[in-house]
């Protein structure tokens, strides 16, 4: 298996692939997505700056999917940016014939796989951090596994959770809802989870201090030791 970093401006991602040509495809897919997003922001900076749902004046598929996912979650469209770039990278790998491809864009992961994939959860100073991993079974279509944190990393958050991991059949949706739930969930207030019952979100794991909260269907969870050197810094644009 090939593990290769991809760094360009604010994007700090990690690509996993079986073949060099699939790494090349991943990079091209991510670059194309970045260029589309940057071009739209250049003529509509509010798309980048707003924390509220927004309807862009664009028919670009990446821009429209970011806005739609964010509207579904009640957040600004840039809440889906890292997931969008990861998704487009993996989509390019699949178009190039890959049956295995993982892109970790700062904890926002898109993947297809013909084997089990382990994903560890880093949750900063929480006692639960780096202690376990999800064992994600083979995926024929792109799966989104996105994590947001109020205590780790540079992204803006209005919440208190150390980590909120979202599984969804749409990486854009997974990223947007990771932000939305992280903004709102509290150990004594899980009401935000009521809003995801009719979405593409299939499972949620939240870590708040010593507390673990789960919702929906999650892959098996096993003990693990997470290597912090393998954590990607992510995308802020």
C-alpha atoms as a PDB file:
ATOM      1  CA  UNK A   1       0.000   0.000   0.000  1.00  0.00           C
ATOM      2  CA  UNK A   2       1.186   3.497  -0.868  1.00  0.00           C
ATOM      3  CA  UNK A   3       0.870   6.286   1.705  1.00  0.00           C
ATOM      4  CA  UNK A   4       1.617   9.721   0.326  1.00  0.00           C
ATOM      5  CA  UNK A   5       1.039  13.234   1.704  1.00  0.00           C
ATOM      6  CA  UNK A   6      -0.602  15.899  -0.414  1.00  0.00           C
ATOM      7  CA  UNK A   7       0.177  19.475   0.594  1.00  0.00           C
ATOM      8  CA  UNK A   8      -1.015  22.492  -1.350  1.00  0.00           C
ATOM      9  CA  UNK A   9      -1.653  25.857   0.303  1.00  0.00           C
ATOM     10  CA  UNK A  10      -4.129  25.124   3.135  1.00  0.00           C
ATOM     11  CA  UNK A  11      -4.669  21.481   2.165  1.00  0.00           C
ATOM     12  CA  UNK A  12      -2.698  18.944   4.229  1.00  0.00           C
ATOM     13  CA  UNK A  13      -4.032  15.511   3.293  1.00  0.00           C
ATOM     14  CA  UNK A  14      -2.870  11.906   3.203  1.00  0.00           C
ATOM     15  CA  UNK A  15      -3.575   9.569   0.282  1.00  0.00           C
ATOM     16  CA  UNK A  16      -3.676   5.779   0.590  1.00  0.00           C
ATOM     17  CA  UNK A  17      -3.650   3.813  -2.656  1.00  0.00           C
ATOM     18  CA  UNK A  18      -2.565   0.549  -4.245  1.00  0.00           C
ATOM     19  CA  UNK A  19      -1.007   2.021  -7.383  1.00  0.00           C
ATOM     20  CA  UNK A  20       1.008   5.142  -8.244  1.00  0.00           C
ATOM     21  CA  UNK A  21      -1.455   6.140 -10.971  1.00  0.00           C
ATOM     22  CA  UNK A  22      -4.234   6.248  -8.408  1.00  0.00           C
ATOM     23  CA  UNK A  23      -2.180   8.648  -6.277  1.00  0.00           C
ATOM     24  CA  UNK A  24      -1.775  10.860  -9.335  1.00  0.00           C
ATOM     25  CA  UNK A  25      -5.543  10.718  -9.961  1.00  0.00           C
ATOM     26  CA  UNK A  26      -6.257  11.634  -6.330  1.00  0.00           C
ATOM     27  CA  UNK A  27      -4.040  14.692  -6.523  1.00  0.00           C
ATOM     28  CA  UNK A  28      -5.630  15.815  -9.790  1.00  0.00           C
ATOM     29  CA  UNK A  29      -9.105  15.392  -8.315  1.00  0.00           C
ATOM     30  CA  UNK A  30      -8.261  17.387  -5.212  1.00  0.00           C
ATOM     31  CA  UNK A  31      -6.573  20.122  -7.209  1.00  0.00           C
ATOM     32  CA  UNK A  32      -9.552  20.415  -9.544  1.00  0.00           C
ATOM     33  CA  UNK A  33     -11.914  20.747  -6.578  1.00  0.00           C
ATOM     34  CA  UNK A  34      -9.707  23.383  -4.959  1.00  0.00           C
ATOM     35  CA  UNK A  35      -9.575  25.368  -8.191  1.00  0.00           C
ATOM     36  CA  UNK A  36     -13.359  25.301  -8.536  1.00  0.00           C
ATOM     37  CA  UNK A  37     -13.852  26.437  -4.939  1.00  0.00           C
ATOM     38  CA  UNK A  38     -11.188  29.143  -5.135  1.00  0.00           C
ATOM     39  CA  UNK A  39     -12.598  30.472  -8.409  1.00  0.00           C
ATOM     40  CA  UNK A  40     -16.066  30.782  -6.922  1.00  0.00           C
ATOM     41  CA  UNK A  41     -14.799  32.428  -3.716  1.00  0.00           C
ATOM     42  CA  UNK A  42     -12.911  34.971  -5.826  1.00  0.00           C
ATOM     43  CA  UNK A  43     -16.194  36.311  -7.176  1.00  0.00           C
ATOM     44  CA  UNK A  44     -18.346  35.585  -4.118  1.00  0.00           C
ATOM     45  CA  UNK A  45     -16.302  35.875  -0.874  1.00  0.00           C
ATOM     46  CA  UNK A  46     -19.477  35.570   1.220  1.00  0.00           C
ATOM     47  CA  UNK A  47     -19.559  31.879   0.289  1.00  0.00           C
ATOM     48  CA  UNK A  48     -16.322  31.500   2.257  1.00  0.00           C
ATOM     49  CA  UNK A  49     -17.206  33.786   5.148  1.00  0.00           C
ATOM     50  CA  UNK A  50     -20.780  32.961   6.134  1.00  0.00           C
ATOM     51  CA  UNK A  51     -21.600  30.537   8.952  1.00  0.00           C
ATOM     52  CA  UNK A  52     -25.207  30.285   7.749  1.00  0.00           C
ATOM     53  CA  UNK A  53     -26.778  28.273   4.925  1.00  0.00           C
ATOM     54  CA  UNK A  54     -26.258  30.021   1.611  1.00  0.00           C
ATOM     55  CA  UNK A  55     -27.505  29.635  -1.958  1.00  0.00           C
ATOM     56  CA  UNK A  56     -24.614  30.339  -4.342  1.00  0.00           C
ATOM     57  CA  UNK A  57     -25.063  31.720  -7.835  1.00  0.00           C
ATOM     58  CA  UNK A  58     -23.316  28.798  -9.452  1.00  0.00           C
ATOM     59  CA  UNK A  59     -24.041  25.574 -11.286  1.00  0.00           C
ATOM     60  CA  UNK A  60     -20.642  24.083 -10.463  1.00  0.00           C
ATOM     61  CA  UNK A  61     -21.293  20.601  -9.000  1.00  0.00           C
ATOM     62  CA  UNK A  62     -18.790  20.929  -6.136  1.00  0.00           C
ATOM     63  CA  UNK A  63     -20.092  24.363  -5.098  1.00  0.00           C
ATOM     64  CA  UNK A  64     -23.710  23.205  -5.310  1.00  0.00           C
ATOM     65  CA  UNK A  65     -23.053  20.028  -3.307  1.00  0.00           C
ATOM     66  CA  UNK A  66     -21.220  21.962  -0.602  1.00  0.00           C
ATOM     67  CA  UNK A  67     -24.091  24.440  -0.329  1.00  0.00           C
ATOM     68  CA  UNK A  68     -26.734  21.699  -0.326  1.00  0.00           C
ATOM     69  CA  UNK A  69     -24.979  19.659   2.366  1.00  0.00           C
ATOM     70  CA  UNK A  70     -24.473  22.751   4.527  1.00  0.00           C
ATOM     71  CA  UNK A  71     -28.092  23.813   4.085  1.00  0.00           C
ATOM     72  CA  UNK A  72     -29.184  20.335   5.184  1.00  0.00           C
ATOM     73  CA  UNK A  73     -27.090  20.699   8.346  1.00  0.00           C
ATOM     74  CA  UNK A  74     -27.858  24.374   9.003  1.00  0.00           C
ATOM     75  CA  UNK A  75     -24.275  25.618   8.639  1.00  0.00           C
ATOM     76  CA  UNK A  76     -22.203  27.649   6.180  1.00  0.00           C
ATOM     77  CA  UNK A  77     -21.012  25.958   2.964  1.00  0.00           C
ATOM     78  CA  UNK A  78     -17.339  26.001   3.931  1.00  0.00           C
ATOM     79  CA  UNK A  79     -18.185  23.505   6.674  1.00  0.00           C
ATOM     80  CA  UNK A  80     -18.094  20.940   3.859  1.00  0.00           C
ATOM     81  CA  UNK A  81     -14.869  22.061   2.168  1.00  0.00           C
ATOM     82  CA  UNK A  82     -12.471  19.416   3.479  1.00  0.00           C
ATOM     83  CA  UNK A  83     -14.945  16.617   2.822  1.00  0.00           C
ATOM     84  CA  UNK A  84     -15.601  17.990  -0.657  1.00  0.00           C
ATOM     85  CA  UNK A  85     -11.923  17.968  -1.593  1.00  0.00           C
ATOM     86  CA  UNK A  86     -11.396  14.481  -0.140  1.00  0.00           C
ATOM     87  CA  UNK A  87     -14.467  13.183  -1.983  1.00  0.00           C
ATOM     88  CA  UNK A  88     -13.372  14.597  -5.320  1.00  0.00           C
ATOM     89  CA  UNK A  89      -9.953  13.032  -4.891  1.00  0.00           C
ATOM     90  CA  UNK A  90     -11.378   9.578  -4.238  1.00  0.00           C
ATOM     91  CA  UNK A  91     -13.922   9.997  -7.042  1.00  0.00           C
ATOM     92  CA  UNK A  92     -11.008  10.613  -9.422  1.00  0.00           C
ATOM     93  CA  UNK A  93      -9.295   7.474  -8.110  1.00  0.00           C
ATOM     94  CA  UNK A  94     -12.419   5.417  -8.760  1.00  0.00           C
ATOM     95  CA  UNK A  95     -12.746   6.910 -12.248  1.00  0.00           C
ATOM     96  CA  UNK A  96      -9.176   5.743 -12.818  1.00  0.00           C
ATOM     97  CA  UNK A  97     -10.049   2.162 -11.899  1.00  0.00           C
ATOM     98  CA  UNK A  98      -9.163   2.093  -8.197  1.00  0.00           C
ATOM     99  CA  UNK A  99     -10.910  -0.392  -5.924  1.00  0.00           C
ATOM    100  CA  UNK A 100      -9.046   0.939  -2.902  1.00  0.00           C
ATOM    101  CA  UNK A 101      -8.551   4.591  -2.106  1.00  0.00           C
ATOM    102  CA  UNK A 102      -8.519   6.635   1.083  1.00  0.00           C
ATOM    103  CA  UNK A 103      -8.015  10.366   1.458  1.00  0.00           C
ATOM    104  CA  UNK A 104      -7.716  11.796   4.960  1.00  0.00           C
ATOM    105  CA  UNK A 105      -8.048  15.571   4.802  1.00  0.00           C
ATOM    106  CA  UNK A 106      -7.525  16.565   8.425  1.00  0.00           C
ATOM    107  CA  UNK A 107      -9.881  13.967   9.852  1.00  0.00           C
ATOM    108  CA  UNK A 108     -12.375  14.346   7.019  1.00  0.00           C
ATOM    109  CA  UNK A 109     -12.079  11.067   5.160  1.00  0.00           C
ATOM    110  CA  UNK A 110     -13.461   9.755   1.900  1.00  0.00           C
ATOM    111  CA  UNK A 111     -12.839   6.127   1.008  1.00  0.00           C
ATOM    112  CA  UNK A 112     -13.632   3.168  -1.173  1.00  0.00           C
ATOM    113  CA  UNK A 113     -12.116  -0.139  -0.241  1.00  0.00           C
ATOM    114  CA  UNK A 114     -11.975  -3.840  -1.057  1.00  0.00           C
ATOM    115  CA  UNK A 115     -10.735  -4.609   2.464  1.00  0.00           C
ATOM    116  CA  UNK A 116     -11.227  -3.569   6.076  1.00  0.00           C
ATOM    117  CA  UNK A 117      -9.896  -0.110   6.931  1.00  0.00           C
ATOM    118  CA  UNK A 118      -9.097   0.994  10.484  1.00  0.00           C
ATOM    119  CA  UNK A 119      -9.773   4.603  11.412  1.00  0.00           C
ATOM    120  CA  UNK A 120      -8.544   5.890  14.761  1.00  0.00           C
ATOM    121  CA  UNK A 121     -10.114   8.778  16.647  1.00  0.00           C
ATOM    122  CA  UNK A 122      -7.939  11.575  18.034  1.00  0.00           C
ATOM    123  CA  UNK A 123      -9.801  13.683  20.597  1.00  0.00           C
ATOM    124  CA  UNK A 124      -7.177  15.959  22.090  1.00  0.00           C
ATOM    125  CA  UNK A 125      -6.952  15.927  25.874  1.00  0.00           C
ATOM    126  CA  UNK A 126      -9.944  13.599  26.345  1.00  0.00           C
ATOM    127  CA  UNK A 127      -9.177  10.403  28.225  1.00  0.00           C
ATOM    128  CA  UNK A 128     -10.831   8.570  25.316  1.00  0.00           C
ATOM    129  CA  UNK A 129      -8.443   9.980  22.705  1.00  0.00           C
ATOM    130  CA  UNK A 130      -6.381   7.535  20.623  1.00  0.00           C
ATOM    131  CA  UNK A 131      -7.722   4.517  22.505  1.00  0.00           C
ATOM    132  CA  UNK A 132      -9.897   2.906  19.854  1.00  0.00           C
ATOM    133  CA  UNK A 133     -10.523   2.620  16.127  1.00  0.00           C
ATOM    134  CA  UNK A 134     -13.396   1.891  13.790  1.00  0.00           C
ATOM    135  CA  UNK A 135     -13.017  -1.184  11.581  1.00  0.00           C
ATOM    136  CA  UNK A 136     -14.744  -0.040   8.400  1.00  0.00           C
ATOM    137  CA  UNK A 137     -15.767  -2.968   6.180  1.00  0.00           C
ATOM    138  CA  UNK A 138     -15.251  -2.993   2.389  1.00  0.00           C
ATOM    139  CA  UNK A 139     -17.077  -0.191   0.553  1.00  0.00           C
ATOM    140  CA  UNK A 140     -18.088  -0.385  -3.114  1.00  0.00           C
ATOM    141  CA  UNK A 141     -19.154   3.264  -3.168  1.00  0.00           C
ATOM    142  CA  UNK A 142     -17.570   6.332  -1.602  1.00  0.00           C
ATOM    143  CA  UNK A 143     -18.117   6.558   2.160  1.00  0.00           C
ATOM    144  CA  UNK A 144     -17.629   9.723   4.174  1.00  0.00           C
ATOM    145  CA  UNK A 145     -16.137   9.543   7.686  1.00  0.00           C
ATOM    146  CA  UNK A 146     -15.699  13.097   8.924  1.00  0.00           C
ATOM    147  CA  UNK A 147     -14.621  14.358  12.330  1.00  0.00           C
ATOM    148  CA  UNK A 148     -14.984  17.822  13.846  1.00  0.00           C
ATOM    149  CA  UNK A 149     -13.535  19.062  17.133  1.00  0.00           C
ATOM    150  CA  UNK A 150     -13.996  22.107  19.317  1.00  0.00           C
ATOM    151  CA  UNK A 151     -10.712  21.473  21.124  1.00  0.00           C
ATOM    152  CA  UNK A 152      -8.325  20.173  18.432  1.00  0.00           C
ATOM    153  CA  UNK A 153      -7.116  21.953  15.308  1.00  0.00           C
ATOM    154  CA  UNK A 154      -7.523  25.422  13.800  1.00  0.00           C
ATOM    155  CA  UNK A 155     -11.102  25.217  12.518  1.00  0.00           C
ATOM    156  CA  UNK A 156     -13.712  27.522  14.046  1.00  0.00           C
ATOM    157  CA  UNK A 157     -16.179  25.726  16.317  1.00  0.00           C
ATOM    158  CA  UNK A 158     -18.935  26.958  18.613  1.00  0.00           C
ATOM    159  CA  UNK A 159     -19.124  23.721  20.589  1.00  0.00           C
ATOM    160  CA  UNK A 160     -17.430  21.829  23.411  1.00  0.00           C
ATOM    161  CA  UNK A 161     -16.947  18.324  21.977  1.00  0.00           C
ATOM    162  CA  UNK A 162     -13.454  16.893  21.758  1.00  0.00           C
ATOM    163  CA  UNK A 163     -14.478  14.929  18.658  1.00  0.00           C
ATOM    164  CA  UNK A 164     -17.632  14.246  16.665  1.00  0.00           C
ATOM    165  CA  UNK A 165     -17.267  11.563  13.991  1.00  0.00           C
ATOM    166  CA  UNK A 166     -19.956  11.195  11.345  1.00  0.00           C
ATOM    167  CA  UNK A 167     -20.497   8.302   8.955  1.00  0.00           C
ATOM    168  CA  UNK A 168     -22.542   9.086   5.854  1.00  0.00           C
ATOM    169  CA  UNK A 169     -23.050   7.841   2.334  1.00  0.00           C
ATOM    170  CA  UNK A 170     -22.157  11.353   1.151  1.00  0.00           C
ATOM    171  CA  UNK A 171     -18.832  12.893   2.250  1.00  0.00           C
ATOM    172  CA  UNK A 172     -20.166  16.426   1.790  1.00  0.00           C
ATOM    173  CA  UNK A 173     -23.041  15.606   4.176  1.00  0.00           C
ATOM    174  CA  UNK A 174     -20.694  13.897   6.645  1.00  0.00           C
ATOM    175  CA  UNK A 175     -18.454  16.958   6.852  1.00  0.00           C
ATOM    176  CA  UNK A 176     -21.275  19.481   7.180  1.00  0.00           C
ATOM    177  CA  UNK A 177     -23.041  17.476   9.875  1.00  0.00           C
ATOM    178  CA  UNK A 178     -19.795  16.885  11.788  1.00  0.00           C
ATOM    179  CA  UNK A 179     -19.524  20.667  12.130  1.00  0.00           C
ATOM    180  CA  UNK A 180     -23.200  21.142  12.973  1.00  0.00           C
ATOM    181  CA  UNK A 181     -23.300  18.456  15.651  1.00  0.00           C
ATOM    182  CA  UNK A 182     -19.973  19.502  17.150  1.00  0.00           C
ATOM    183  CA  UNK A 183     -21.327  23.047  17.417  1.00  0.00           C
ATOM    184  CA  UNK A 184     -24.428  21.983  19.337  1.00  0.00           C
ATOM    185  CA  UNK A 185     -24.035  18.690  21.171  1.00  0.00           C
ATOM    186  CA  UNK A 186     -23.568  18.690  24.931  1.00  0.00           C
ATOM    187  CA  UNK A 187     -23.215  15.770  27.316  1.00  0.00           C
ATOM    188  CA  UNK A 188     -26.592  16.698  28.828  1.00  0.00           C
ATOM    189  CA  UNK A 189     -28.247  17.835  25.586  1.00  0.00           C
ATOM    190  CA  UNK A 190     -28.402  15.451  22.626  1.00  0.00           C
ATOM    191  CA  UNK A 191     -31.333  17.157  20.905  1.00  0.00           C
ATOM    192  CA  UNK A 192     -29.269  17.950  17.803  1.00  0.00           C
ATOM    193  CA  UNK A 193     -29.247  14.229  16.991  1.00  0.00           C
ATOM    194  CA  UNK A 194     -33.010  14.380  16.422  1.00  0.00           C
ATOM    195  CA  UNK A 195     -32.380  16.360  13.244  1.00  0.00           C
ATOM    196  CA  UNK A 196     -30.317  13.699  11.463  1.00  0.00           C
ATOM    197  CA  UNK A 197     -32.883  10.907  11.375  1.00  0.00           C
ATOM    198  CA  UNK A 198     -33.931  11.610   7.771  1.00  0.00           C
ATOM    199  CA  UNK A 199     -30.517  12.488   6.342  1.00  0.00           C
ATOM    200  CA  UNK A 200     -27.722  10.473   4.717  1.00  0.00           C
ATOM    201  CA  UNK A 201     -25.983  10.237   8.096  1.00  0.00           C
ATOM    202  CA  UNK A 202     -25.809   6.603   9.183  1.00  0.00           C
ATOM    203  CA  UNK A 203     -23.835   6.834  12.426  1.00  0.00           C
ATOM    204  CA  UNK A 204     -22.426   9.277  14.970  1.00  0.00           C
ATOM    205  CA  UNK A 205     -19.817   8.995  17.698  1.00  0.00           C
ATOM    206  CA  UNK A 206     -19.189  12.006  19.932  1.00  0.00           C
ATOM    207  CA  UNK A 207     -16.533  12.389  22.616  1.00  0.00           C
ATOM    208  CA  UNK A 208     -17.015  15.068  25.249  1.00  0.00           C
ATOM    209  CA  UNK A 209     -14.428  14.781  27.974  1.00  0.00           C
ATOM    210  CA  UNK A 210     -14.761  11.262  29.360  1.00  0.00           C
ATOM    211  CA  UNK A 211     -18.209  10.748  27.816  1.00  0.00           C
ATOM    212  CA  UNK A 212     -18.862   8.694  24.666  1.00  0.00           C
ATOM    213  CA  UNK A 213     -22.135   9.192  22.816  1.00  0.00           C
ATOM    214  CA  UNK A 214     -23.249   7.000  19.914  1.00  0.00           C
ATOM    215  CA  UNK A 215     -26.147   7.160  17.487  1.00  0.00           C
ATOM    216  CA  UNK A 216     -27.193   5.025  14.543  1.00  0.00           C
ATOM    217  CA  UNK A 217     -25.149   2.274  12.939  1.00  0.00           C
ATOM    218  CA  UNK A 218     -21.390   2.375  13.475  1.00  0.00           C
ATOM    219  CA  UNK A 219     -18.685  -0.047  12.300  1.00  0.00           C
ATOM    220  CA  UNK A 220     -17.116  -2.311  14.924  1.00  0.00           C
ATOM    221  CA  UNK A 221     -14.963  -0.455  17.448  1.00  0.00           C
ATOM    222  CA  UNK A 222     -11.733  -2.079  18.640  1.00  0.00           C
ATOM    223  CA  UNK A 223      -8.905  -1.042  20.989  1.00  0.00           C
ATOM    224  CA  UNK A 224      -6.111   0.762  19.183  1.00  0.00           C
ATOM    225  CA  UNK A 225      -3.059   2.931  19.538  1.00  0.00           C
ATOM    226  CA  UNK A 226      -3.275   5.911  17.188  1.00  0.00           C
ATOM    227  CA  UNK A 227      -0.004   7.231  15.797  1.00  0.00           C
ATOM    228  CA  UNK A 228      -0.295  11.029  15.937  1.00  0.00           C
ATOM    229  CA  UNK A 229       2.294  11.308  13.161  1.00  0.00           C
ATOM    230  CA  UNK A 230      -0.304   9.854  10.801  1.00  0.00           C
ATOM    231  CA  UNK A 231      -2.888  12.564  11.559  1.00  0.00           C
ATOM    232  CA  UNK A 232      -3.421  14.964   8.655  1.00  0.00           C
ATOM    233  CA  UNK A 233      -3.759  18.667   9.428  1.00  0.00           C
ATOM    234  CA  UNK A 234      -6.643  19.269   7.056  1.00  0.00           C
ATOM    235  CA  UNK A 235      -8.121  21.983   4.905  1.00  0.00           C
ATOM    236  CA  UNK A 236      -9.241  25.476   5.884  1.00  0.00           C
ATOM    237  CA  UNK A 237      -9.019  27.330   2.534  1.00  0.00           C
END
